[in-house]
Amino acid sequence: MVAAAVTPRFWAAVEDCLVTFHQLKRCEAAEKVTTLWRRLPTALDDSQPAMSDMIYHAEPWQIACNLADSDLPVAGHQAAYRALLVRNGL
């Protein structure tokens, strides 16, 4: 199970990625993130509870790219992305 203390930081990092690297407005980024994490429990099969933690094994960068519908390469943003993760305690 993913620790409850990590999940808010994970989603905050996804939101920050959307704002910082995909130039979404903070309110739009927050809405996209909130919509996704609210959908997760119903999108997953209840017979496999371990699957609910799978999203937390992805990088916040990739989740943000999926939400922004943009396959932005991390290579040119590596230092800024690492700093963003540190700011969010990840």
N, C-alpha and C. Protein backbone atom coordinates (compact mmCIF):
# COMPACT_ATOMS: atom_id res chain seq x y z
N MET A 1 0.83 -1.19 0.00
CA MET A 1 0.00 0.00 0.00
C MET A 1 0.88 1.25 0.00
N VAL A 2 0.48 2.23 -0.74
CA VAL A 2 1.18 3.51 -0.75
C VAL A 2 0.79 4.27 0.51
N ALA A 3 1.79 4.83 1.17
CA ALA A 3 1.52 5.57 2.41
C ALA A 3 0.62 6.77 2.12
N ALA A 4 -0.33 6.99 3.01
CA ALA A 4 -1.28 8.09 2.83
C ALA A 4 -0.57 9.44 2.77
N ALA A 5 0.58 9.55 3.41
CA ALA A 5 1.32 10.82 3.40
C ALA A 5 1.92 11.12 2.04
N VAL A 6 2.16 10.10 1.24
CA VAL A 6 2.80 10.29 -0.07
C VAL A 6 1.79 10.71 -1.13
N THR A 7 0.57 10.25 -1.06
CA THR A 7 -0.39 10.51 -2.14
C THR A 7 -0.66 11.98 -2.38
N PRO A 8 -0.85 12.83 -1.35
CA PRO A 8 -1.07 14.24 -1.65
C PRO A 8 0.14 14.89 -2.33
N ARG A 9 1.34 14.47 -1.93
CA ARG A 9 2.55 15.02 -2.53
C ARG A 9 2.68 14.57 -3.99
N PHE A 10 2.30 13.34 -4.27
CA PHE A 10 2.33 12.83 -5.64
C PHE A 10 1.42 13.66 -6.53
N TRP A 11 0.18 13.86 -6.08
CA TRP A 11 -0.78 14.62 -6.89
C TRP A 11 -0.39 16.09 -7.00
N ALA A 12 0.22 16.64 -5.96
CA ALA A 12 0.71 18.02 -6.03
C ALA A 12 1.81 18.13 -7.08
N ALA A 13 2.66 17.11 -7.17
CA ALA A 13 3.72 17.12 -8.18
C ALA A 13 3.13 17.02 -9.59
N VAL A 14 2.11 16.21 -9.76
CA VAL A 14 1.44 16.11 -11.07
C VAL A 14 0.87 17.48 -11.45
N GLU A 15 0.19 18.12 -10.51
CA GLU A 15 -0.39 19.43 -10.76
C GLU A 15 0.70 20.45 -11.10
N ASP A 16 1.79 20.44 -10.34
CA ASP A 16 2.89 21.36 -10.62
C ASP A 16 3.50 21.12 -12.00
N CYS A 17 3.58 19.86 -12.41
CA CYS A 17 4.08 19.54 -13.77
C CYS A 17 3.16 20.15 -14.83
N LEU A 18 1.88 20.03 -14.62
CA LEU A 18 0.93 20.59 -15.58
C LEU A 18 1.09 22.11 -15.70
N VAL A 19 1.30 22.75 -14.58
CA VAL A 19 1.45 24.22 -14.57
C VAL A 19 2.81 24.62 -15.14
N THR A 20 3.86 23.98 -14.66
CA THR A 20 5.23 24.37 -15.00
C THR A 20 5.63 23.99 -16.42
N PHE A 21 5.32 22.78 -16.83
CA PHE A 21 5.83 22.29 -18.10
C PHE A 21 4.80 22.28 -19.23
N HIS A 22 3.53 22.28 -18.88
CA HIS A 22 2.48 22.25 -19.90
C HIS A 22 1.70 23.57 -19.96
N GLN A 23 2.11 24.52 -19.15
CA GLN A 23 1.56 25.88 -19.12
C GLN A 23 0.05 25.92 -18.91
N LEU A 24 -0.49 25.00 -18.12
CA LEU A 24 -1.90 25.07 -17.76
C LEU A 24 -2.05 26.06 -16.61
N LYS A 25 -3.20 26.69 -16.55
CA LYS A 25 -3.50 27.53 -15.40
C LYS A 25 -3.67 26.63 -14.19
N ARG A 26 -3.33 27.15 -13.01
CA ARG A 26 -3.38 26.35 -11.79
C ARG A 26 -4.77 25.74 -11.58
N CYS A 27 -5.82 26.51 -11.82
CA CYS A 27 -7.18 25.99 -11.60
C CYS A 27 -7.50 24.86 -12.59
N GLU A 28 -7.04 24.98 -13.82
CA GLU A 28 -7.27 23.93 -14.82
C GLU A 28 -6.48 22.66 -14.46
N ALA A 29 -5.24 22.84 -14.03
CA ALA A 29 -4.42 21.70 -13.62
C ALA A 29 -5.05 21.00 -12.43
N ALA A 30 -5.50 21.76 -11.45
CA ALA A 30 -6.12 21.19 -10.26
C ALA A 30 -7.37 20.40 -10.63
N GLU A 31 -8.14 20.92 -11.55
CA GLU A 31 -9.36 20.22 -11.97
C GLU A 31 -9.03 18.89 -12.65
N LYS A 32 -8.03 18.89 -13.51
CA LYS A 32 -7.65 17.65 -14.20
C LYS A 32 -7.16 16.60 -13.20
N VAL A 33 -6.33 17.02 -12.26
CA VAL A 33 -5.79 16.10 -11.26
C VAL A 33 -6.91 15.57 -10.37
N THR A 34 -7.77 16.44 -9.90
CA THR A 34 -8.87 16.03 -9.02
C THR A 34 -9.81 15.06 -9.74
N THR A 35 -10.11 15.35 -10.98
CA THR A 35 -10.99 14.46 -11.75
C THR A 35 -10.38 13.07 -11.87
N LEU A 36 -9.08 13.01 -12.14
CA LEU A 36 -8.43 11.70 -12.27
C LEU A 36 -8.43 10.94 -10.96
N TRP A 37 -7.98 11.55 -9.87
CA TRP A 37 -7.89 10.77 -8.64
C TRP A 37 -9.26 10.40 -8.08
N ARG A 38 -10.28 11.16 -8.42
CA ARG A 38 -11.63 10.76 -8.00
C ARG A 38 -12.15 9.59 -8.81
N ARG A 39 -11.72 9.50 -10.06
CA ARG A 39 -12.15 8.41 -10.94
C ARG A 39 -11.43 7.10 -10.64
N LEU A 40 -10.26 7.16 -10.07
CA LEU A 40 -9.45 5.96 -9.87
C LEU A 40 -10.16 4.82 -9.14
N PRO A 41 -10.80 5.05 -8.00
CA PRO A 41 -11.42 3.91 -7.31
C PRO A 41 -12.47 3.18 -8.13
N THR A 42 -13.21 3.89 -8.95
CA THR A 42 -14.25 3.24 -9.75
C THR A 42 -13.69 2.67 -11.05
N ALA A 43 -12.53 3.14 -11.46
CA ALA A 43 -11.93 2.66 -12.70
C ALA A 43 -11.19 1.35 -12.50
N LEU A 44 -10.87 1.03 -11.26
CA LEU A 44 -10.09 -0.17 -10.97
C LEU A 44 -11.01 -1.30 -10.54
N ASP A 45 -10.59 -2.50 -10.83
CA ASP A 45 -11.33 -3.71 -10.48
C ASP A 45 -11.19 -3.97 -8.98
N ASP A 46 -12.30 -4.04 -8.26
CA ASP A 46 -12.27 -4.26 -6.81
C ASP A 46 -11.67 -5.61 -6.43
N SER A 47 -11.61 -6.56 -7.35
CA SER A 47 -11.05 -7.86 -7.04
C SER A 47 -9.53 -7.83 -6.98
N GLN A 48 -8.92 -6.69 -7.38
CA GLN A 48 -7.47 -6.56 -7.36
C GLN A 48 -7.07 -5.28 -6.64
N PRO A 49 -7.18 -5.25 -5.31
CA PRO A 49 -6.91 -4.02 -4.57
C PRO A 49 -5.48 -3.52 -4.74
N ALA A 50 -4.53 -4.40 -4.99
CA ALA A 50 -3.14 -3.96 -5.17
C ALA A 50 -2.99 -3.08 -6.40
N MET A 51 -3.90 -3.20 -7.35
CA MET A 51 -3.84 -2.39 -8.56
C MET A 51 -4.04 -0.91 -8.26
N SER A 52 -4.70 -0.59 -7.16
CA SER A 52 -4.95 0.82 -6.84
C SER A 52 -3.66 1.58 -6.59
N ASP A 53 -2.60 0.88 -6.22
CA ASP A 53 -1.31 1.52 -5.97
C ASP A 53 -0.48 1.67 -7.24
N MET A 54 -0.88 1.04 -8.32
CA MET A 54 -0.06 1.04 -9.53
C MET A 54 0.19 2.44 -10.07
N ILE A 55 -0.76 3.32 -9.98
CA ILE A 55 -0.56 4.66 -10.53
C ILE A 55 0.58 5.37 -9.83
N TYR A 56 0.82 5.06 -8.57
CA TYR A 56 1.88 5.72 -7.82
C TYR A 56 3.27 5.21 -8.19
N HIS A 57 3.34 4.20 -9.03
CA HIS A 57 4.63 3.73 -9.53
C HIS A 57 5.02 4.45 -10.81
N ALA A 58 4.10 5.19 -11.37
CA ALA A 58 4.40 6.02 -12.54
C ALA A 58 5.03 7.32 -12.06
N GLU A 59 5.74 7.96 -12.94
CA GLU A 59 6.31 9.28 -12.62
C GLU A 59 5.21 10.33 -12.72
N PRO A 60 5.20 11.29 -11.81
CA PRO A 60 4.26 12.41 -11.94
C PRO A 60 4.36 13.07 -13.32
N TRP A 61 5.57 13.11 -13.87
CA TRP A 61 5.79 13.68 -15.21
C TRP A 61 4.89 12.98 -16.23
N GLN A 62 4.88 11.65 -16.21
CA GLN A 62 4.11 10.89 -17.20
C GLN A 62 2.61 11.06 -17.01
N ILE A 63 2.17 11.08 -15.76
CA ILE A 63 0.75 11.30 -15.48
C ILE A 63 0.33 12.68 -16.01
N ALA A 64 1.18 13.69 -15.77
CA ALA A 64 0.89 15.04 -16.25
C ALA A 64 0.85 15.07 -17.78
N CYS A 65 1.78 14.40 -18.42
CA CYS A 65 1.78 14.35 -19.89
C CYS A 65 0.49 13.72 -20.40
N ASN A 66 0.05 12.66 -19.75
CA ASN A 66 -1.20 12.01 -20.15
C ASN A 66 -2.38 12.96 -19.97
N LEU A 67 -2.42 13.65 -18.85
CA LEU A 67 -3.53 14.58 -18.60
C LEU A 67 -3.51 15.76 -19.56
N ALA A 68 -2.32 16.18 -19.96
CA ALA A 68 -2.19 17.31 -20.89
C ALA A 68 -2.30 16.86 -22.35
N ASP A 69 -2.36 15.55 -22.54
CA ASP A 69 -2.40 14.97 -23.89
C ASP A 69 -1.20 15.46 -24.72
N SER A 70 -0.02 15.38 -24.07
CA SER A 70 1.21 15.85 -24.69
C SER A 70 2.35 14.93 -24.27
N ASP A 71 3.08 14.42 -25.22
CA ASP A 71 4.20 13.53 -24.93
C ASP A 71 5.49 14.34 -24.85
N LEU A 72 5.56 15.25 -23.91
CA LEU A 72 6.70 16.13 -23.72
C LEU A 72 7.88 15.33 -23.19
N PRO A 73 9.04 15.35 -23.88
CA PRO A 73 10.20 14.61 -23.38
C PRO A 73 10.77 15.28 -22.12
N VAL A 74 11.09 14.48 -21.14
CA VAL A 74 11.62 14.99 -19.88
C VAL A 74 13.09 15.41 -20.03
N ALA A 75 13.78 14.91 -21.02
CA ALA A 75 15.22 15.12 -21.16
C ALA A 75 15.63 16.59 -21.08
N GLY A 76 14.93 17.46 -21.73
CA GLY A 76 15.28 18.88 -21.72
C GLY A 76 14.86 19.61 -20.46
N HIS A 77 14.17 18.93 -19.56
CA HIS A 77 13.63 19.56 -18.35
C HIS A 77 14.05 18.81 -17.09
N GLN A 78 15.05 17.95 -17.21
CA GLN A 78 15.42 17.05 -16.12
C GLN A 78 15.72 17.78 -14.81
N ALA A 79 16.53 18.83 -14.86
CA ALA A 79 16.91 19.55 -13.63
C ALA A 79 15.69 20.21 -12.98
N ALA A 80 14.87 20.85 -13.78
CA ALA A 80 13.68 21.51 -13.25
C ALA A 80 12.68 20.49 -12.70
N TYR A 81 12.56 19.34 -13.36
CA TYR A 81 11.66 18.30 -12.90
C TYR A 81 12.13 17.73 -11.57
N ARG A 82 13.42 17.46 -11.46
CA ARG A 82 13.97 16.93 -10.20
C ARG A 82 13.74 17.93 -9.06
N ALA A 83 13.93 19.22 -9.35
CA ALA A 83 13.69 20.26 -8.33
C ALA A 83 12.22 20.28 -7.92
N LEU A 84 11.33 20.10 -8.87
CA LEU A 84 9.89 20.05 -8.59
C LEU A 84 9.58 18.88 -7.68
N LEU A 85 10.17 17.72 -7.95
CA LEU A 85 9.95 16.53 -7.10
C LEU A 85 10.44 16.79 -5.67
N VAL A 86 11.60 17.40 -5.55
CA VAL A 86 12.15 17.70 -4.23
C VAL A 86 11.22 18.67 -3.48
N ARG A 87 10.75 19.70 -4.17
CA ARG A 87 9.82 20.67 -3.54
C ARG A 87 8.57 19.98 -3.01
N ASN A 88 8.16 18.92 -3.69
CA ASN A 88 6.95 18.19 -3.30
C ASN A 88 7.24 17.01 -2.38
N GLY A 89 8.47 16.88 -1.95
CA GLY A 89 8.83 15.81 -1.01
C GLY A 89 8.85 14.43 -1.59
N LEU A 90 9.15 14.35 -2.88
CA LEU A 90 9.21 13.04 -3.55
C LEU A 90 10.63 12.68 -3.95
